[in-house]
Amino acid sequence: MSSQGPHSDKNCKGTFREKLLIIGSNLGVEDVEHLKFLCIGLVPHKKLEKSSSASDVFEHLLAEDLLSESDPFFLAELLYIIGQKKLLQYLNYTKEKVEQLLPAQRRVSLFRNLLYEVSEGIDKEKLKDMIFLLGELLPKTEMTSLGLLAFLEKQDKIDEDNLTYLEDLCKMVVPNLLRNIEKYKREKATQIGIPPVDKEAESLYQGEEELFSQTEVKTFLEALPEESWQNKHARSDSNRATNGAPSLVSRGMQGASADFPNFETSTKGAAVYRMNRKHRGHCVIVNNHSFTSLRNRQGTYKDAEVLRRVFNWLGFRVCTYNNVTRGHMEKVLQEQKCNPDHVNGDCFVFCILTHGKFGAVYSSDEALIPIREIMSHFTALQCPGLAEKPKLFFIQACQGDEIQPSVSIEADALNPEQQPASLQGILQDSIPVEADFLLGLATVPGYVSFRDVQEGSWYIQSLCNRLKTLVPRREDILSILTAVNNDVSRRADKQGTKKQMPQPAFTLRKKLIFPVPLDALSL
């Protein structure tokens, strides 16, 4: 994966490690502690605790694939945050370049950044007041403002979804920092797809009206090809839905009026895919922003970044490819199909962010590639290393007509004059007639999917948010996708006229439950 920053600078010669050594020699003890704090959740705690120098931290970043000569942006982000902007020159970056790239490429979480900002706003006198207020709660050791916040986080007094304790503390001692907390809440709401009320892009659909009528849902269900979609083994409790947004994936449902349970998941009596091999698996992200003649997909880098962060958090080895041509796509597919490392992995994930058409996606040079052709590379015959292992494909692209968007909303669709394709046609042509596949489409066939040009797509942002919140609760992937269905189906543009319904389809034979990450609050 190539860096978005410049790659050469005549004023900063030497090998990459020599440059890192120079950067490290210009950082003090306090700077190193700041780096370690900002890396929490990205680098294992034990490694950070044992790090006593900048070189130690850099070595861990290199080992975790967070830093490389071709992509040094994460270190540039860290240096920018801690105020060491002059050192950016050794990474061939400038302050302005980092500021330009941060919205799309930031890796330090909003929560981690908030705590750092708050710590910087607590001077020595205010710190003494906070320590006095907390009294016996704190250990009898000397503590910095950053150490105090880290301690509160470790004691579960604060987390990204619960800042009441911190707010009360700031009200008593440093009320001006409440502005930072409010700013964080607004940014977090935007990041997870809940827009501020005054935002032009879109608004949350508040009504109780169903997106599709019961008759339409029944028609969709009856259109599904039996051999491709009906799991003949055991899937009685895997099709979930809530609040009138059923999952359109199984002919085993008894009509559209079936009693759909809520998001409760039980593994009793149900087979579960193995998740204890040497590594979780590989996650490939194809992110197409620019095309030969089609419009650019503004906001797609937000989707690519959140996918990278979430699947990295889940333990996957993530690789992102930007603006992939037809030839490059074939190369990526061949490399992944023949990857010997699949033998040691639990799972495989392939995400595509691009323009789309009925049952197909566009490469950056505007070749139309059938979804089935992409997925067929990973059947047991073509890719034995993934045999009997879950293979997940998530597609953010339209599958039908474009409709006129509002100002900040775009549709990932082409050819607005065409008529919608049938559901049966696209499903028959999209997924191999073989077990262990899951295809997550951003929208049902024949319809558009929406992407906020600043914040990313409705579907991908919801998917990542639900993975983050429901994986720690041991929910299976189908329950998670049902929650995504519910999220997206309730959204609409500001006028309330443009809506979207995702479409999961699968031939999974077992429950797919990702192990809870060691640091479940790290994102």
Protein backbone atom coordinates (compact mmCIF):
# COMPACT_ATOMS: atom_id res chain seq x y z
CA MET A 1 0.00 0.00 0.00
CA SER A 2 1.54 3.28 -1.02
CA SER A 3 1.70 6.35 1.13
CA GLN A 4 -0.35 9.40 0.28
CA GLY A 5 2.53 11.61 1.32
CA PRO A 6 5.63 12.59 -0.69
CA HIS A 7 8.43 10.05 -0.92
CA SER A 8 11.59 12.12 -1.33
CA ASP A 9 13.19 15.17 0.18
CA LYS A 10 16.68 16.32 -0.71
CA ASN A 11 17.07 17.91 2.73
CA CYS A 12 16.51 14.60 4.58
CA LYS A 13 18.93 11.98 3.34
CA GLY A 14 19.77 8.62 4.90
CA THR A 15 18.09 5.28 5.38
CA PHE A 16 14.64 5.05 6.87
CA ARG A 17 15.93 3.69 10.18
CA GLU A 18 18.54 6.45 10.33
CA LYS A 19 15.75 8.99 9.97
CA LEU A 20 13.78 7.26 12.75
CA LEU A 21 16.85 7.40 14.95
CA ILE A 22 17.19 11.15 14.34
CA ILE A 23 13.51 11.65 15.15
CA GLY A 24 13.91 9.62 18.34
CA SER A 25 16.95 11.61 19.45
CA ASN A 26 14.85 14.78 19.28
CA LEU A 27 12.09 13.38 21.52
CA GLY A 28 12.22 13.68 25.29
CA VAL A 29 10.97 11.31 27.98
CA GLU A 30 7.62 13.10 28.10
CA ASP A 31 7.25 12.85 24.31
CA VAL A 32 7.83 9.10 24.48
CA GLU A 33 5.12 8.74 27.12
CA HIS A 34 2.77 10.70 24.88
CA LEU A 35 3.54 8.42 21.92
CA LYS A 36 2.90 5.34 24.06
CA PHE A 37 -0.45 6.72 25.22
CA LEU A 38 -1.59 7.53 21.69
CA CYS A 39 -0.66 4.00 20.56
CA ILE A 40 -2.88 2.30 23.13
CA GLY A 41 -5.26 -0.02 21.30
CA LEU A 42 -2.98 -0.25 18.28
CA VAL A 43 0.07 -1.76 19.97
CA PRO A 44 -0.32 -4.41 22.73
CA HIS A 45 -0.25 -2.95 26.26
CA LYS A 46 2.59 -5.16 27.44
CA LYS A 47 4.85 -3.99 24.61
CA LEU A 48 4.08 -0.36 25.36
CA GLU A 49 4.71 -0.79 29.08
CA LYS A 50 8.18 -2.19 28.37
CA SER A 51 9.07 0.62 25.95
CA SER A 52 11.50 3.10 27.48
CA SER A 53 12.60 5.00 24.38
CA ALA A 54 11.27 6.32 21.10
CA SER A 55 13.21 3.59 19.29
CA ASP A 56 11.32 0.95 21.27
CA VAL A 57 8.01 2.49 20.21
CA PHE A 58 9.12 2.73 16.57
CA GLU A 59 10.19 -0.91 16.60
CA HIS A 60 6.71 -1.94 17.78
CA LEU A 61 5.07 0.21 15.11
CA LEU A 62 7.19 -1.49 12.46
CA ALA A 63 6.35 -4.94 13.83
CA GLU A 64 2.61 -4.17 13.87
CA ASP A 65 2.69 -2.89 10.25
CA LEU A 66 1.71 0.55 11.49
CA LEU A 67 4.89 2.09 10.11
CA SER A 68 6.97 1.48 7.01
CA GLU A 69 9.24 3.40 4.69
CA SER A 70 6.54 3.41 2.01
CA ASP A 71 3.82 4.48 4.44
CA PRO A 72 5.10 6.54 7.40
CA PHE A 73 1.88 8.51 7.85
CA PHE A 74 0.92 7.08 11.24
CA LEU A 75 4.17 8.32 12.79
CA ALA A 76 3.62 11.66 11.07
CA GLU A 77 0.17 11.77 12.68
CA LEU A 78 1.67 11.04 16.11
CA LEU A 79 4.35 13.72 15.74
CA TYR A 80 1.71 16.20 14.61
CA ILE A 81 -0.51 15.48 17.61
CA ILE A 82 2.30 15.84 20.19
CA GLY A 83 3.42 19.11 18.63
CA GLN A 84 6.71 17.92 17.10
CA LYS A 85 5.87 19.31 13.68
CA LYS A 86 9.47 20.20 12.78
CA LEU A 87 10.35 16.50 12.80
CA LEU A 88 7.83 15.79 10.04
CA GLN A 89 10.50 16.73 7.48
CA TYR A 90 12.34 13.47 8.19
CA LEU A 91 9.25 11.59 7.00
CA ASN A 92 8.91 13.85 3.96
CA TYR A 93 5.78 15.48 5.30
CA THR A 94 4.78 19.03 6.17
CA LYS A 95 2.27 20.24 8.75
CA GLU A 96 -0.07 21.27 5.94
CA LYS A 97 0.18 17.88 4.21
CA VAL A 98 -0.63 16.02 7.43
CA GLU A 99 -3.63 18.29 8.07
CA GLN A 100 -4.84 17.60 4.54
CA LEU A 101 -4.59 13.82 4.92
CA LEU A 102 -5.79 13.45 8.52
CA PRO A 103 -9.56 13.36 7.79
CA ALA A 104 -9.14 10.29 5.57
CA GLN A 105 -6.11 8.55 7.10
CA ARG A 106 -6.15 9.22 10.84
CA ARG A 107 -5.50 6.16 13.01
CA VAL A 108 -5.51 7.65 16.50
CA SER A 109 -9.10 7.23 17.71
CA LEU A 110 -11.25 10.25 18.51
CA PHE A 111 -11.42 9.08 22.13
CA ARG A 112 -7.66 8.71 22.46
CA ASN A 113 -7.17 12.13 20.88
CA LEU A 114 -9.71 13.66 23.26
CA LEU A 115 -7.93 12.32 26.34
CA TYR A 116 -4.64 13.68 25.03
CA GLU A 117 -6.18 17.12 24.41
CA VAL A 118 -7.72 17.13 27.90
CA SER A 119 -4.40 16.16 29.50
CA GLU A 120 -2.69 19.04 27.71
CA GLY A 121 -5.27 21.43 29.20
CA ILE A 122 -4.58 20.38 32.79
CA ASP A 123 -1.70 22.33 34.32
CA LYS A 124 0.16 21.34 37.50
CA GLU A 125 -2.16 23.25 39.83
CA LYS A 126 -5.33 21.85 38.25
CA LEU A 127 -3.80 18.37 38.38
CA LYS A 128 -3.26 18.75 42.14
CA ASP A 129 -6.91 19.76 42.54
CA MET A 130 -8.07 16.70 40.59
CA ILE A 131 -5.87 14.36 42.61
CA PHE A 132 -7.25 15.91 45.81
CA LEU A 133 -10.85 15.38 44.63
CA LEU A 134 -10.22 11.75 43.70
CA GLY A 135 -8.53 11.06 47.06
CA GLU A 136 -8.27 7.36 47.94
CA LEU A 137 -9.20 6.25 44.44
CA LEU A 138 -5.69 6.99 43.17
CA PRO A 139 -2.48 5.10 43.98
CA LYS A 140 0.05 6.88 46.18
CA THR A 141 2.48 7.60 43.38
CA GLU A 142 3.45 10.68 41.44
CA MET A 143 1.13 11.09 38.49
CA THR A 144 0.97 13.21 35.34
CA SER A 145 -2.29 14.47 33.86
CA LEU A 146 -1.98 11.87 31.10
CA GLY A 147 -1.26 9.16 33.66
CA LEU A 148 -4.35 10.23 35.63
CA LEU A 149 -6.61 9.87 32.60
CA ALA A 150 -5.02 6.56 31.65
CA PHE A 151 -5.68 5.31 35.19
CA LEU A 152 -9.35 6.35 35.07
CA GLU A 153 -9.70 4.56 31.74
CA LYS A 154 -8.05 1.43 33.10
CA GLN A 155 -10.41 1.47 36.09
CA ASP A 156 -13.41 1.69 33.71
CA LYS A 157 -14.37 5.09 35.07
CA ILE A 158 -14.35 6.51 31.57
CA ASP A 159 -14.61 5.09 28.08
CA GLU A 160 -15.53 6.36 24.63
CA ASP A 161 -19.27 5.99 25.31
CA ASN A 162 -19.28 7.16 28.94
CA LEU A 163 -17.59 10.44 29.81
CA THR A 164 -19.82 11.43 32.74
CA TYR A 165 -17.05 10.91 35.30
CA LEU A 166 -14.63 13.05 33.30
CA GLU A 167 -17.25 15.72 32.70
CA ASP A 168 -18.01 15.99 36.42
CA LEU A 169 -14.30 16.27 37.18
CA CYS A 170 -13.80 18.97 34.57
CA LYS A 171 -16.84 20.93 35.80
CA MET A 172 -15.24 21.17 39.22
CA VAL A 173 -11.69 22.00 38.16
CA VAL A 174 -11.31 22.98 34.48
CA PRO A 175 -14.76 23.77 33.02
CA ASN A 176 -13.25 25.16 29.80
CA LEU A 177 -12.31 21.57 28.84
CA LEU A 178 -16.00 20.68 28.57
CA ARG A 179 -15.84 22.24 25.10
CA ASN A 180 -13.37 19.54 24.05
CA ILE A 181 -15.73 16.85 25.30
CA GLU A 182 -18.70 18.32 23.46
CA LYS A 183 -16.63 18.57 20.28
CA TYR A 184 -15.68 14.89 20.66
CA LYS A 185 -19.33 13.88 21.05
CA ARG A 186 -20.28 15.70 17.86
CA GLU A 187 -17.41 14.15 15.90
CA LYS A 188 -18.17 10.68 17.25
CA ALA A 189 -21.85 10.98 16.34
CA THR A 190 -20.84 11.91 12.81
CA GLN A 191 -18.30 9.08 12.61
CA ILE A 192 -20.83 6.38 13.49
CA GLY A 193 -23.39 7.75 11.06
CA ILE A 194 -25.65 9.86 13.30
CA PRO A 195 -25.46 13.30 11.65
CA PRO A 196 -25.92 16.60 13.54
CA VAL A 197 -29.39 18.04 13.03
CA ASP A 198 -28.10 21.02 11.07
CA LYS A 199 -26.00 18.97 8.64
CA GLU A 200 -26.98 19.24 4.98
CA ALA A 201 -25.91 15.72 4.08
CA GLU A 202 -28.69 13.59 5.52
CA SER A 203 -30.99 13.04 8.49
CA LEU A 204 -32.11 10.09 10.55
CA TYR A 205 -35.44 8.64 9.51
CA GLN A 206 -37.65 8.83 12.58
CA GLY A 207 -40.89 7.30 11.32
CA GLU A 208 -42.11 3.78 11.92
CA GLU A 209 -43.14 3.17 8.30
CA GLU A 210 -41.47 0.14 6.73
CA LEU A 211 -39.17 0.69 3.78
CA PHE A 212 -40.76 -2.23 1.87
CA SER A 213 -44.30 -3.45 2.13
CA GLN A 214 -45.01 -7.00 3.33
CA THR A 215 -46.04 -7.91 -0.22
CA GLU A 216 -42.73 -6.68 -1.61
CA VAL A 217 -40.77 -8.59 1.05
CA LYS A 218 -42.66 -11.78 0.22
CA THR A 219 -41.88 -11.25 -3.46
CA PHE A 220 -38.19 -10.79 -2.66
CA LEU A 221 -38.11 -13.96 -0.57
CA GLU A 222 -39.84 -16.06 -3.21
CA ALA A 223 -37.34 -14.84 -5.83
CA LEU A 224 -34.35 -16.30 -4.03
CA PRO A 225 -32.94 -19.40 -5.80
CA GLU A 226 -33.35 -22.35 -3.49
CA GLU A 227 -30.06 -24.15 -4.15
CA SER A 228 -27.96 -21.04 -3.66
CA TRP A 229 -29.62 -19.70 -0.54
CA GLN A 230 -31.31 -22.41 1.41
CA ASN A 231 -28.92 -23.88 3.94
CA LYS A 232 -29.83 -27.56 4.19
CA HIS A 233 -27.78 -28.10 7.35
CA ALA A 234 -28.73 -25.87 10.27
CA ARG A 235 -29.82 -22.27 10.07
CA SER A 236 -33.02 -22.09 12.06
CA ASP A 237 -32.00 -19.16 14.25
CA SER A 238 -29.62 -17.31 11.96
CA ASN A 239 -32.03 -15.13 9.99
CA ARG A 240 -32.68 -12.08 12.09
CA ALA A 241 -34.67 -8.91 11.68
CA THR A 242 -36.13 -6.14 13.79
CA ASN A 243 -38.57 -3.23 13.55
CA GLY A 244 -39.95 -4.21 10.18
CA ALA A 245 -36.60 -4.70 8.41
CA PRO A 246 -36.35 -8.45 7.70
CA SER A 247 -33.23 -10.12 6.33
CA LEU A 248 -33.91 -11.19 2.76
CA VAL A 249 -31.80 -14.31 2.75
CA SER A 250 -33.73 -17.49 3.41
CA ARG A 251 -36.52 -19.42 1.78
CA GLY A 252 -36.88 -21.21 5.09
CA MET A 253 -38.95 -18.28 6.42
CA GLN A 254 -42.66 -18.91 6.42
CA GLY A 255 -43.73 -15.81 4.49
CA ALA A 256 -43.17 -12.15 5.18
CA SER A 257 -45.24 -12.13 8.34
CA ALA A 258 -42.89 -14.46 10.24
CA ASP A 259 -42.08 -13.63 13.84
CA PHE A 260 -38.57 -12.20 13.63
CA PRO A 261 -36.73 -12.34 16.99
CA ASN A 262 -34.61 -9.48 18.30
CA PHE A 263 -30.80 -9.41 18.38
CA GLU A 264 -30.40 -12.14 21.00
CA THR A 265 -27.87 -14.79 19.97
CA SER A 266 -27.29 -18.21 21.45
CA THR A 267 -24.63 -20.69 20.40
CA LYS A 268 -26.24 -23.59 22.25
CA GLY A 269 -26.76 -26.47 19.87
CA ALA A 270 -25.34 -24.52 16.93
CA ALA A 271 -22.06 -25.23 15.17
CA VAL A 272 -19.58 -22.35 15.17
CA TYR A 273 -16.75 -21.69 12.74
CA ARG A 274 -13.31 -22.31 14.19
CA MET A 275 -11.46 -19.12 15.20
CA ASN A 276 -8.25 -20.32 16.87
CA ARG A 277 -5.69 -20.81 14.11
CA LYS A 278 -2.36 -19.00 13.87
CA HIS A 279 -4.00 -15.78 12.69
CA ARG A 280 -7.48 -14.44 11.99
CA GLY A 281 -6.96 -14.10 8.25
CA HIS A 282 -6.53 -11.55 5.50
CA CYS A 283 -8.78 -8.58 4.73
CA VAL A 284 -8.50 -6.95 1.30
CA ILE A 285 -9.97 -3.49 0.67
CA VAL A 286 -10.38 -2.24 -2.90
CA ASN A 287 -11.10 1.48 -2.70
CA ASN A 288 -11.93 3.23 -5.99
CA HIS A 289 -12.12 7.01 -5.75
CA SER A 290 -11.06 8.19 -9.21
CA PHE A 291 -12.21 6.94 -12.60
CA THR A 292 -11.40 7.57 -16.25
CA SER A 293 -14.54 9.57 -16.96
CA LEU A 294 -17.02 8.82 -14.17
CA ARG A 295 -17.36 11.17 -11.21
CA ASN A 296 -15.03 10.79 -8.25
CA ARG A 297 -16.42 9.01 -5.18
CA GLN A 298 -15.91 11.70 -2.54
CA GLY A 299 -15.96 10.32 1.01
CA THR A 300 -14.77 6.83 0.07
CA TYR A 301 -11.47 7.23 1.94
CA LYS A 302 -13.52 7.55 5.15
CA ASP A 303 -14.98 4.11 4.43
CA ALA A 304 -11.61 2.60 3.56
CA GLU A 305 -10.02 3.91 6.75
CA VAL A 306 -12.78 2.75 9.10
CA LEU A 307 -12.77 -0.70 7.46
CA ARG A 308 -9.01 -0.90 7.87
CA ARG A 309 -9.18 0.08 11.53
CA VAL A 310 -12.06 -2.24 12.45
CA PHE A 311 -10.76 -5.36 10.69
CA ASN A 312 -7.27 -4.71 12.02
CA TRP A 313 -8.85 -4.48 15.47
CA LEU A 314 -10.57 -7.82 14.81
CA GLY A 315 -7.16 -9.37 14.15
CA PHE A 316 -7.05 -9.38 10.35
CA ARG A 317 -4.01 -8.55 8.26
CA VAL A 318 -5.42 -5.68 6.23
CA CYS A 319 -4.22 -4.56 2.82
CA THR A 320 -5.78 -1.61 0.98
CA TYR A 321 -5.57 -0.97 -2.77
CA ASN A 322 -6.63 2.42 -4.11
CA ASN A 323 -8.02 3.13 -7.61
CA VAL A 324 -7.75 -0.42 -8.91
CA THR A 325 -7.86 -1.00 -12.66
CA ARG A 326 -9.26 -4.16 -14.27
CA GLY A 327 -5.74 -5.53 -14.73
CA HIS A 328 -4.73 -4.69 -11.17
CA MET A 329 -7.89 -6.30 -9.83
CA GLU A 330 -7.06 -9.53 -11.61
CA LYS A 331 -3.55 -9.41 -10.15
CA VAL A 332 -4.92 -8.87 -6.63
CA LEU A 333 -7.39 -11.74 -7.06
CA GLN A 334 -4.68 -14.09 -8.32
CA GLU A 335 -2.33 -13.16 -5.48
CA GLN A 336 -5.01 -13.71 -2.86
CA LYS A 337 -6.26 -16.91 -4.45
CA CYS A 338 -2.74 -18.37 -4.35
CA ASN A 339 -1.77 -16.93 -0.96
CA PRO A 340 -0.30 -19.87 1.02
CA ASP A 341 -1.00 -18.01 4.26
CA HIS A 342 -4.74 -18.77 3.99
CA VAL A 343 -3.99 -22.25 5.35
CA ASN A 344 -3.12 -20.73 8.73
CA GLY A 345 -6.04 -18.28 8.82
CA ASP A 346 -9.56 -18.55 10.20
CA CYS A 347 -11.42 -16.40 7.72
CA PHE A 348 -11.16 -14.18 4.63
CA VAL A 349 -12.69 -10.74 3.99
CA PHE A 350 -12.86 -8.82 0.70
CA CYS A 351 -14.33 -5.30 0.64
CA ILE A 352 -15.03 -3.32 -2.54
CA LEU A 353 -15.84 0.40 -2.55
CA THR A 354 -16.70 1.64 -6.04
CA HIS A 355 -19.41 2.50 -8.54
CA GLY A 356 -21.71 -0.38 -9.42
CA LYS A 357 -24.34 -1.81 -11.69
CA PHE A 358 -26.66 -4.83 -11.59
CA GLY A 359 -24.60 -7.68 -10.16
CA ALA A 360 -21.27 -6.04 -11.00
CA VAL A 361 -18.76 -3.39 -9.92
CA TYR A 362 -16.62 -0.93 -11.85
CA SER A 363 -12.81 -0.86 -11.85
CA SER A 364 -11.14 2.54 -11.85
CA ASP A 365 -10.62 2.25 -15.63
CA GLU A 366 -14.37 1.58 -15.89
CA ALA A 367 -14.38 -2.11 -16.75
CA LEU A 368 -17.51 -3.83 -15.43
CA ILE A 369 -16.56 -6.85 -13.30
CA PRO A 370 -19.28 -9.33 -12.24
CA ILE A 371 -19.38 -9.89 -8.48
CA ARG A 372 -19.63 -13.63 -9.09
CA GLU A 373 -16.38 -13.56 -11.06
CA ILE A 374 -14.60 -11.96 -8.10
CA MET A 375 -16.01 -14.41 -5.58
CA SER A 376 -15.37 -17.48 -7.77
CA HIS A 377 -11.61 -17.11 -7.18
CA PHE A 378 -12.13 -18.28 -3.60
CA THR A 379 -14.12 -21.49 -3.95
CA ALA A 380 -12.61 -24.62 -2.37
CA LEU A 381 -11.45 -25.78 -5.79
CA GLN A 382 -9.76 -22.50 -6.71
CA CYS A 383 -8.44 -21.69 -3.23
CA PRO A 384 -8.01 -24.85 -1.13
CA GLY A 385 -6.53 -22.88 1.77
CA LEU A 386 -9.95 -21.34 2.38
CA ALA A 387 -11.95 -24.56 2.07
CA GLU A 388 -14.61 -24.87 4.79
CA LYS A 389 -13.68 -21.42 6.10
CA PRO A 390 -15.99 -18.39 6.02
CA LYS A 391 -15.39 -16.01 3.11
CA LEU A 392 -17.01 -12.59 3.54
CA PHE A 393 -17.52 -10.05 0.76
CA PHE A 394 -18.81 -6.55 1.47
CA ILE A 395 -19.75 -4.40 -1.54
CA GLN A 396 -20.39 -0.66 -1.26
CA ALA A 397 -21.80 0.08 -4.71
CA CYS A 398 -25.18 0.66 -6.24
CA GLN A 399 -27.05 -2.22 -7.85
CA GLY A 400 -29.52 -0.22 -9.85
CA ASP A 401 -30.90 3.20 -10.86
CA GLU A 402 -29.33 6.46 -9.84
CA ILE A 403 -31.73 8.98 -8.33
CA GLN A 404 -31.23 12.71 -7.98
CA PRO A 405 -29.30 13.26 -4.71
CA SER A 406 -29.43 16.21 -2.36
CA VAL A 407 -26.39 18.47 -2.08
CA SER A 408 -24.06 16.30 0.03
CA ILE A 409 -25.37 12.87 -0.91
CA GLU A 410 -24.16 10.91 -3.91
CA ALA A 411 -25.40 7.60 -5.30
CA ASP A 412 -22.91 4.90 -6.30
CA ALA A 413 -24.91 4.16 -9.45
CA LEU A 414 -24.76 4.77 -13.19
CA ASN A 415 -27.21 4.90 -16.13
CA PRO A 416 -30.28 6.44 -14.44
CA GLU A 417 -32.53 5.56 -17.37
CA GLN A 418 -32.18 1.80 -16.90
CA GLN A 419 -34.89 -0.25 -15.22
CA PRO A 420 -34.15 -2.17 -11.97
CA ALA A 421 -32.90 -5.70 -12.35
CA SER A 422 -34.77 -8.52 -10.70
CA LEU A 423 -33.60 -9.73 -7.34
CA GLN A 424 -33.46 -13.30 -8.58
CA GLY A 425 -31.21 -12.39 -11.50
CA ILE A 426 -28.56 -10.65 -9.46
CA LEU A 427 -28.46 -13.22 -6.70
CA GLN A 428 -28.17 -16.16 -9.08
CA ASP A 429 -25.25 -14.45 -10.78
CA SER A 430 -23.43 -13.12 -7.73
CA ILE A 431 -22.52 -15.89 -5.31
CA PRO A 432 -20.97 -19.32 -5.98
CA VAL A 433 -23.23 -22.31 -5.38
CA GLU A 434 -20.95 -23.47 -2.61
CA ALA A 435 -20.94 -23.36 1.18
CA ASP A 436 -19.21 -20.84 3.46
CA PHE A 437 -19.76 -17.64 1.46
CA LEU A 438 -21.38 -14.42 2.65
CA LEU A 439 -22.12 -11.48 0.38
CA GLY A 440 -23.07 -8.16 1.98
CA LEU A 441 -24.49 -5.72 -0.56
CA ALA A 442 -25.04 -2.11 0.43
CA THR A 443 -28.46 -2.21 -1.22
CA VAL A 444 -31.02 -4.61 -2.63
CA PRO A 445 -30.78 -5.17 -6.40
CA GLY A 446 -32.32 -2.46 -8.52
CA TYR A 447 -31.70 0.30 -5.99
CA VAL A 448 -29.05 2.88 -5.21
CA SER A 449 -26.80 3.11 -2.16
CA PHE A 450 -25.82 6.40 -0.60
CA ARG A 451 -22.49 7.89 0.34
CA ASP A 452 -22.00 11.11 2.32
CA VAL A 453 -19.24 12.97 0.49
CA GLN A 454 -17.66 13.98 3.79
CA GLU A 455 -18.43 11.14 6.19
CA GLY A 456 -18.57 8.01 4.03
CA SER A 457 -21.37 5.64 3.06
CA TRP A 458 -24.38 4.76 5.19
CA TYR A 459 -23.74 1.03 4.83
CA ILE A 460 -20.00 0.82 5.55
CA GLN A 461 -20.14 3.24 8.47
CA SER A 462 -23.01 1.27 10.03
CA LEU A 463 -21.27 -2.06 9.36
CA CYS A 464 -18.09 -0.95 11.11
CA ASN A 465 -19.94 0.61 14.02
CA ARG A 466 -22.02 -2.54 14.55
CA LEU A 467 -18.95 -4.80 14.37
CA LYS A 468 -17.31 -2.64 16.99
CA THR A 469 -20.28 -2.68 19.39
CA LEU A 470 -21.66 -6.19 18.84
CA VAL A 471 -18.52 -8.32 18.48
CA PRO A 472 -17.68 -7.69 22.19
CA ARG A 473 -21.21 -8.96 22.96
CA ARG A 474 -20.49 -12.23 21.13
CA GLU A 475 -23.09 -11.61 18.42
CA ASP A 476 -22.77 -13.68 15.25
CA ILE A 477 -22.23 -12.03 11.86
CA LEU A 478 -25.82 -12.51 10.67
CA SER A 479 -27.22 -10.81 13.75
CA ILE A 480 -24.74 -7.98 13.18
CA LEU A 481 -25.82 -7.60 9.55
CA THR A 482 -29.45 -7.57 10.62
CA ALA A 483 -28.64 -4.68 12.94
CA VAL A 484 -26.98 -2.96 9.97
CA ASN A 485 -30.16 -3.55 7.93
CA ASN A 486 -32.14 -1.88 10.66
CA ASP A 487 -29.76 1.09 10.93
CA VAL A 488 -29.61 1.82 7.23
CA SER A 489 -33.30 1.20 6.50
CA ARG A 490 -34.21 3.91 9.02
CA ARG A 491 -31.98 6.52 7.44
CA ALA A 492 -33.02 9.00 4.79
CA ASP A 493 -31.82 12.20 3.21
CA LYS A 494 -32.88 15.49 4.75
CA GLN A 495 -36.09 15.53 2.71
CA GLY A 496 -36.95 12.02 3.86
CA THR A 497 -37.43 10.78 0.30
CA LYS A 498 -34.26 8.80 -0.41
CA LYS A 499 -33.81 5.56 1.52
CA GLN A 500 -31.73 2.42 1.31
CA MET A 501 -31.97 -1.25 2.32
CA PRO A 502 -28.84 -3.45 2.50
CA GLN A 503 -28.92 -7.06 1.24
CA PRO A 504 -27.02 -9.87 2.96
CA ALA A 505 -26.98 -13.23 1.19
CA PHE A 506 -25.09 -16.30 2.33
CA THR A 507 -24.36 -20.00 2.21
CA LEU A 508 -22.77 -20.15 5.65
CA ARG A 509 -23.14 -23.53 7.38
CA LYS A 510 -22.31 -22.40 10.90
CA LYS A 511 -22.46 -19.38 13.13
CA LEU A 512 -19.62 -16.94 12.54
CA ILE A 513 -18.60 -15.28 15.80
CA PHE A 514 -15.43 -13.22 15.93
CA PRO A 515 -13.39 -13.56 19.15
CA VAL A 516 -13.61 -10.46 21.32
CA PRO A 517 -10.44 -8.39 20.79
CA LEU A 518 -8.10 -8.19 23.80
CA ASP A 519 -8.78 -4.48 24.06
CA ALA A 520 -12.47 -4.25 23.22
CA LEU A 521 -12.52 -0.47 23.76
CA SER A 522 -9.49 0.32 21.66
CA LEU A 523 -11.22 1.92 18.68
